[in-house]
Amino acid sequence: MPGLITTAPGKIVLSGEYAVLDGAPAVCMAVNRRARVTVTDTETDWHSVLAPGYSAREGRFVTGENGLEWLANREAYALVDYVWQAAGVVLNQHYRFLLDTNAFVDLPSGRKLGIGSSAALASAFARALCELTGRAHHAADIAQSAHRRMQQGSGVDVACSLQGGIIEYCMGKPRPAQLEWPDGLFFAVLWSGVAADTREKLGRLAASKPKTSRTELAKAAACVAGTWRDGSAAAVLTEIRAYTNALRQFDVDHELGIFDAGHLNLTDAAAADGVVYKPCGAGGGDIGIVFATDETAIQTFIGKASTAAFRPLDLAIEPRGVQVKRTC
């Protein structure tokens, strides 16, 4: 068969992190860094998988009625295992899978950026398997099932990778709503240089007793999503400011460390400058985002953030979700 390439974008959670687990809406933006899965034929008696930059070892496996049987290096490719099991496919032809997430690595430091590489890869790999079996419409369910088993998250990151653009996502709803970026609202994404462990923070939240701030966070997330639908940049900025304040109290009450790694200092600096800054996703490292209705104010804030060891990332909104390309 001809070769096959599938790609899917990373994401940034703009609002609703943690609150989405309680049924609140999250606003999430796909970004222009893409995971890539390349599928080619092989004459071996097994499937093989390689992920340059992630593992130097080649994974080998065969499939049967009972799922995957690994011949080598299963421990290096848990995502492949989860996605294949969720897909439940048996392929007569053997293939070589090349998994590429180099776009999610910060080149100066060599560290992985917290913009949803595993969700993007799960989405691209699920779509590749579905293309091989003629079941493209099942890709979303497969990717969501596999990634939830891996990270016990809400599914917002996979939904954004699959759909692209800006989405409003609620757990349990069949399809996220597509949103538009408000005219006159500017942003920049900043990298802390410190990795954050989403799974660890979710585990800590699950073990804690709910506080009033958890309910307040869900209310604030709903306000951001509702205002975003109306499209007013000034109103969105006001609600994101209120949401950030609610997230800060939620963080204190549940001792998650969302605003660690310098995020708290930038949040305070932004408030003094009349702009809004917040950590994204798990927080406590990885990335943050600054919003303003004045583009000059964004650039001024980036200058201050750079002195605090944060660096701006060249990220833009990616309107395309998962993509498929056949090669000769």
Protein backbone atom coordinates (compact mmCIF):
# COMPACT_ATOMS: atom_id res chain seq x y z
CA MET A 1 0.00 0.00 0.00
CA PRO A 2 1.11 3.64 -0.34
CA GLY A 3 2.65 5.24 2.72
CA LEU A 4 0.47 7.03 5.24
CA ILE A 5 1.14 10.13 7.33
CA THR A 6 -1.18 11.43 10.04
CA THR A 7 -0.57 14.54 12.14
CA ALA A 8 -2.35 16.25 15.04
CA PRO A 9 -1.73 19.54 16.86
CA GLY A 10 -0.80 20.24 20.45
CA LYS A 11 -2.99 22.36 22.68
CA ILE A 12 -3.13 25.00 25.41
CA VAL A 13 -5.93 25.05 27.98
CA LEU A 14 -6.98 28.70 28.25
CA SER A 15 -9.53 28.21 31.02
CA GLY A 16 -11.31 25.38 32.79
CA GLU A 17 -8.30 23.30 33.84
CA TYR A 18 -9.30 21.16 36.84
CA ALA A 19 -12.84 22.62 36.72
CA VAL A 20 -13.54 20.55 33.59
CA LEU A 21 -13.32 17.44 35.79
CA ASP A 22 -16.41 18.73 37.64
CA GLY A 23 -18.45 19.23 34.48
CA ALA A 24 -17.50 22.85 33.84
CA PRO A 25 -16.62 23.96 30.29
CA ALA A 26 -12.99 24.37 29.31
CA VAL A 27 -11.77 26.67 26.55
CA CYS A 28 -8.84 25.12 24.72
CA MET A 29 -6.71 26.28 21.80
CA ALA A 30 -4.87 24.06 19.30
CA VAL A 31 -1.35 25.29 18.54
CA ASN A 32 0.92 24.97 15.54
CA ARG A 33 3.16 22.19 16.83
CA ARG A 34 2.13 18.82 15.42
CA ALA A 35 2.77 15.19 16.31
CA ARG A 36 3.43 13.05 13.26
CA VAL A 37 2.89 9.34 12.60
CA THR A 38 4.38 7.82 9.45
CA VAL A 39 3.27 4.33 8.40
CA THR A 40 5.15 2.25 5.83
CA ASP A 41 5.08 -1.38 4.75
CA THR A 42 7.62 -3.81 6.12
CA GLU A 43 8.56 -7.32 5.04
CA THR A 44 9.19 -8.48 8.58
CA ASP A 45 6.90 -10.88 10.43
CA TRP A 46 6.08 -8.24 13.02
CA HIS A 47 5.05 -4.63 13.38
CA SER A 48 7.77 -2.21 14.46
CA VAL A 49 7.66 1.21 16.08
CA LEU A 50 10.33 3.86 16.46
CA ALA A 51 10.22 7.22 18.22
CA PRO A 52 13.47 9.13 17.55
CA GLY A 53 14.25 11.59 20.29
CA TYR A 54 12.10 9.67 22.75
CA SER A 55 13.55 6.16 22.69
CA ALA A 56 16.55 4.69 20.91
CA ARG A 57 14.97 1.24 21.09
CA GLU A 58 12.74 -0.28 18.43
CA GLY A 59 9.47 -1.74 19.64
CA ARG A 60 8.30 -4.97 18.01
CA PHE A 61 4.96 -6.68 18.33
CA VAL A 62 2.46 -8.93 16.59
CA THR A 63 -1.33 -8.85 16.82
CA GLY A 64 -3.95 -11.51 17.21
CA GLU A 65 -7.41 -12.13 18.59
CA ASN A 66 -6.11 -11.37 22.10
CA GLY A 67 -4.60 -8.03 21.14
CA LEU A 68 -0.91 -7.11 21.11
CA GLU A 69 1.89 -9.51 21.84
CA TRP A 70 5.12 -7.59 22.34
CA LEU A 71 8.36 -9.11 21.14
CA ALA A 72 10.62 -6.26 22.28
CA ASN A 73 10.56 -3.02 24.30
CA ARG A 74 6.93 -2.78 25.30
CA GLU A 75 7.85 -0.52 28.24
CA ALA A 76 9.04 2.19 25.86
CA TYR A 77 5.76 2.40 23.95
CA ALA A 78 2.88 2.45 26.41
CA LEU A 79 0.91 4.86 24.22
CA VAL A 80 1.03 2.43 21.29
CA ASP A 81 -0.22 -0.32 23.56
CA TYR A 82 -3.12 1.76 24.89
CA VAL A 83 -4.22 3.04 21.47
CA TRP A 84 -4.01 -0.36 19.78
CA GLN A 85 -5.98 -2.02 22.56
CA ALA A 86 -8.65 0.69 22.36
CA ALA A 87 -8.84 0.21 18.59
CA GLY A 88 -9.05 -3.57 18.86
CA VAL A 89 -7.69 -4.07 15.35
CA VAL A 90 -5.91 -7.02 13.77
CA LEU A 91 -3.88 -6.22 10.65
CA ASN A 92 -2.87 -8.89 8.17
CA GLN A 93 -0.11 -6.74 6.70
CA HIS A 94 2.80 -5.72 8.95
CA TYR A 95 3.80 -2.08 9.22
CA ARG A 96 6.54 0.18 10.48
CA PHE A 97 5.31 3.10 12.60
CA LEU A 98 7.49 6.17 13.05
CA LEU A 99 6.32 8.44 15.87
CA ASP A 100 7.63 12.01 15.77
CA THR A 101 7.01 14.53 18.58
CA ASN A 102 10.15 16.61 18.04
CA ALA A 103 7.98 19.70 17.48
CA PHE A 104 7.06 19.54 21.17
CA VAL A 105 10.64 19.85 22.39
CA ASP A 106 12.16 23.17 23.45
CA LEU A 107 15.34 23.19 21.37
CA PRO A 108 17.53 25.38 23.63
CA SER A 109 16.90 23.20 26.72
CA GLY A 110 15.97 19.87 25.14
CA ARG A 111 12.95 19.65 27.46
CA LYS A 112 9.44 18.72 26.43
CA LEU A 113 6.96 21.61 26.30
CA GLY A 114 3.69 21.11 28.16
CA ILE A 115 1.41 21.53 25.16
CA GLY A 116 -0.17 18.10 24.88
CA SER A 117 2.31 15.94 22.98
CA SER A 118 0.86 12.65 24.21
CA ALA A 119 -2.71 13.67 23.32
CA ALA A 120 -1.58 14.81 19.87
CA LEU A 121 0.31 11.57 19.31
CA ALA A 122 -2.61 9.45 20.54
CA SER A 123 -4.92 11.31 18.13
CA ALA A 124 -2.56 10.91 15.16
CA PHE A 125 -1.86 7.23 15.92
CA ALA A 126 -5.54 6.41 16.41
CA ARG A 127 -6.37 8.04 13.08
CA ALA A 128 -3.56 6.08 11.39
CA LEU A 129 -4.94 2.76 12.66
CA CYS A 130 -8.43 3.75 11.57
CA GLU A 131 -7.20 4.67 8.09
CA LEU A 132 -5.53 1.28 7.80
CA THR A 133 -8.79 -0.45 8.66
CA GLY A 134 -11.27 1.87 6.95
CA ARG A 135 -12.81 3.08 10.22
CA ALA A 136 -11.83 6.76 10.23
CA HIS A 137 -14.98 7.81 12.10
CA HIS A 138 -13.87 5.79 15.15
CA ALA A 139 -10.61 7.69 15.67
CA ALA A 140 -11.99 10.13 18.26
CA ASP A 141 -13.42 7.41 20.49
CA ILE A 142 -10.22 5.38 20.27
CA ALA A 143 -7.92 8.30 21.07
CA GLN A 144 -10.09 9.45 23.98
CA SER A 145 -10.33 5.97 25.49
CA ALA A 146 -6.59 5.34 25.20
CA HIS A 147 -5.49 8.70 26.56
CA ARG A 148 -7.89 8.58 29.51
CA ARG A 149 -6.43 5.21 30.48
CA MET A 150 -2.97 6.72 30.30
CA GLN A 151 -3.54 9.97 32.18
CA GLN A 152 -6.97 9.80 33.84
CA GLY A 153 -7.71 13.27 32.49
CA SER A 154 -10.80 15.00 31.14
CA GLY A 155 -10.20 14.43 27.43
CA VAL A 156 -10.04 18.13 26.55
CA ASP A 157 -6.53 17.84 25.11
CA VAL A 158 -7.45 14.96 22.79
CA ALA A 159 -10.63 16.74 21.68
CA CYS A 160 -8.64 19.82 20.76
CA SER A 161 -6.03 17.80 18.87
CA LEU A 162 -8.74 16.05 16.89
CA GLN A 163 -10.77 19.15 16.05
CA GLY A 164 -8.25 21.99 15.93
CA GLY A 165 -8.93 25.70 16.38
CA ILE A 166 -10.47 26.92 19.64
CA ILE A 167 -13.02 24.72 21.32
CA GLU A 168 -15.38 24.76 24.28
CA TYR A 169 -15.25 21.29 25.80
CA CYS A 170 -17.45 19.64 28.42
CA MET A 171 -16.99 16.09 29.58
CA GLY A 172 -19.79 13.83 28.41
CA LYS A 173 -20.90 16.00 25.50
CA PRO A 174 -20.58 14.32 22.09
CA ARG A 175 -18.68 17.08 20.28
CA PRO A 176 -16.94 20.27 21.42
CA ALA A 177 -18.29 23.60 20.24
CA GLN A 178 -16.05 25.57 17.88
CA LEU A 179 -15.20 29.07 19.06
CA GLU A 180 -13.62 32.09 17.40
CA TRP A 181 -10.80 34.19 18.79
CA PRO A 182 -12.21 37.57 19.93
CA ASP A 183 -11.16 40.54 17.81
CA GLY A 184 -8.85 42.82 19.75
CA LEU A 185 -7.67 40.20 22.23
CA PHE A 186 -3.92 39.58 22.09
CA PHE A 187 -1.87 36.85 23.71
CA ALA A 188 1.61 35.43 24.12
CA VAL A 189 2.69 32.05 25.48
CA LEU A 190 5.61 31.84 27.89
CA TRP A 191 7.76 28.85 28.81
CA SER A 192 8.92 28.47 32.41
CA GLY A 193 11.69 25.99 31.58
CA VAL A 194 10.30 23.67 34.28
CA ALA A 195 8.30 20.53 33.52
CA ALA A 196 5.01 19.82 35.32
CA ASP A 197 3.50 16.43 36.14
CA THR A 198 -0.20 16.49 35.26
CA ARG A 199 -0.90 13.00 36.55
CA GLU A 200 0.70 13.74 39.91
CA LYS A 201 -1.41 16.88 40.39
CA LEU A 202 -4.62 15.10 39.40
CA GLY A 203 -3.82 12.38 41.91
CA ARG A 204 -3.26 14.97 44.62
CA LEU A 205 -6.57 16.64 43.79
CA ALA A 206 -8.43 13.32 43.89
CA ALA A 207 -7.03 12.63 47.36
CA SER A 208 -7.98 16.05 48.78
CA LYS A 209 -11.25 17.11 50.37
CA PRO A 210 -13.29 19.44 48.14
CA LYS A 211 -13.32 23.05 49.25
CA THR A 212 -15.68 25.89 48.35
CA SER A 213 -13.09 27.22 45.93
CA ARG A 214 -13.58 24.13 43.75
CA THR A 215 -17.21 25.10 43.16
CA GLU A 216 -16.22 28.72 42.60
CA LEU A 217 -13.64 27.64 40.02
CA ALA A 218 -16.31 25.76 38.06
CA LYS A 219 -18.55 28.85 38.11
CA ALA A 220 -15.70 31.05 36.89
CA ALA A 221 -14.90 28.60 34.08
CA ALA A 222 -18.52 28.73 32.93
CA CYS A 223 -18.38 32.53 32.90
CA VAL A 224 -15.28 32.52 30.68
CA ALA A 225 -16.85 30.11 28.21
CA GLY A 226 -20.13 32.02 28.10
CA THR A 227 -18.38 35.35 27.56
CA TRP A 228 -16.10 33.85 24.91
CA ARG A 229 -19.14 32.87 22.87
CA ASP A 230 -20.23 36.52 22.85
CA GLY A 231 -16.90 37.57 21.36
CA SER A 232 -16.11 40.74 23.33
CA ALA A 233 -12.35 41.01 23.98
CA ALA A 234 -12.78 43.30 26.99
CA ALA A 235 -15.40 41.04 28.56
CA VAL A 236 -13.31 37.92 27.96
CA LEU A 237 -10.32 39.60 29.58
CA THR A 238 -12.41 40.51 32.63
CA GLU A 239 -13.67 36.95 33.05
CA ILE A 240 -10.22 35.42 32.56
CA ARG A 241 -8.94 37.74 35.30
CA ALA A 242 -11.72 36.53 37.61
CA TYR A 243 -11.05 32.93 36.63
CA THR A 244 -7.34 33.32 37.38
CA ASN A 245 -8.17 34.65 40.84
CA ALA A 246 -10.47 31.69 41.44
CA LEU A 247 -7.76 29.29 40.22
CA ARG A 248 -5.30 30.87 42.61
CA GLN A 249 -7.58 30.33 45.62
CA PHE A 250 -8.33 26.79 44.43
CA ASP A 251 -4.59 26.16 44.28
CA VAL A 252 -4.04 27.42 47.81
CA ASP A 253 -6.92 25.40 49.23
CA HIS A 254 -5.93 22.13 47.57
CA GLU A 255 -2.14 22.59 47.80
CA LEU A 256 -1.47 21.69 44.16
CA GLY A 257 1.36 24.12 43.39
CA ILE A 258 -0.28 25.36 40.20
CA PHE A 259 1.36 28.77 40.55
CA ASP A 260 4.83 27.45 41.42
CA ALA A 261 7.92 27.79 39.19
CA GLY A 262 7.54 31.56 38.94
CA HIS A 263 3.93 31.68 37.72
CA LEU A 264 2.73 33.48 40.85
CA ASN A 265 5.24 36.31 40.43
CA LEU A 266 4.18 36.80 36.82
CA THR A 267 0.51 36.76 37.81
CA ASP A 268 1.14 39.57 40.28
CA ALA A 269 3.27 41.51 37.80
CA ALA A 270 0.54 41.26 35.18
CA ALA A 271 -2.09 42.58 37.58
CA ALA A 272 0.09 45.63 38.23
CA ASP A 273 0.46 46.21 34.48
CA GLY A 274 -3.22 45.86 33.65
CA VAL A 275 -2.82 42.61 31.72
CA VAL A 276 -3.78 39.06 32.73
CA TYR A 277 -1.35 36.19 33.12
CA LYS A 278 -2.12 32.63 34.17
CA PRO A 279 -0.42 29.23 34.13
CA CYS A 280 -1.96 26.73 31.72
CA GLY A 281 -3.00 23.13 32.16
CA ALA A 282 -1.49 21.54 35.24
CA GLY A 283 0.56 24.63 36.09
CA GLY A 284 3.47 24.46 38.49
CA GLY A 285 5.85 24.60 35.55
CA ASP A 286 5.50 24.24 31.79
CA ILE A 287 3.75 27.19 30.17
CA GLY A 288 1.64 30.24 30.94
CA ILE A 289 -0.25 32.71 28.81
CA VAL A 290 -0.66 36.48 28.98
CA PHE A 291 -3.76 38.25 27.60
CA ALA A 292 -4.34 41.92 26.87
CA THR A 293 -6.42 44.19 24.68
CA ASP A 294 -3.29 46.23 23.93
CA GLU A 295 -0.60 44.52 21.87
CA THR A 296 2.08 46.88 23.17
CA ALA A 297 1.26 45.82 26.73
CA ILE A 298 1.93 42.21 25.73
CA GLN A 299 5.40 43.07 24.48
CA THR A 300 6.18 45.07 27.62
CA PHE A 301 5.12 42.14 29.78
CA ILE A 302 7.24 39.70 27.75
CA GLY A 303 10.25 41.87 28.56
CA LYS A 304 9.54 41.58 32.28
CA ALA A 305 8.91 37.85 32.04
CA SER A 306 12.23 37.34 30.28
CA THR A 307 14.06 38.78 33.27
CA ALA A 308 12.27 36.15 35.40
CA ALA A 309 13.73 33.34 33.24
CA PHE A 310 10.53 32.85 31.21
CA ARG A 311 10.85 32.77 27.43
CA PRO A 312 8.19 33.53 24.82
CA LEU A 313 7.27 30.65 22.52
CA ASP A 314 6.50 31.14 18.85
CA LEU A 315 3.03 29.59 19.00
CA ALA A 316 -0.05 30.44 16.97
CA ILE A 317 -3.59 29.10 16.74
CA GLU A 318 -3.75 25.96 14.58
CA PRO A 319 -7.12 25.81 12.83
CA ARG A 320 -6.65 22.24 11.57
CA GLY A 321 -7.20 19.18 13.69
CA VAL A 322 -5.97 15.71 12.81
CA GLN A 323 -4.80 15.46 9.19
CA VAL A 324 -4.21 12.51 6.83
CA LYS A 325 -1.90 12.30 3.84
CA ARG A 326 -1.22 9.37 1.52
CA THR A 327 2.25 9.15 -0.02
CA CYS A 328 3.54 7.27 -3.03
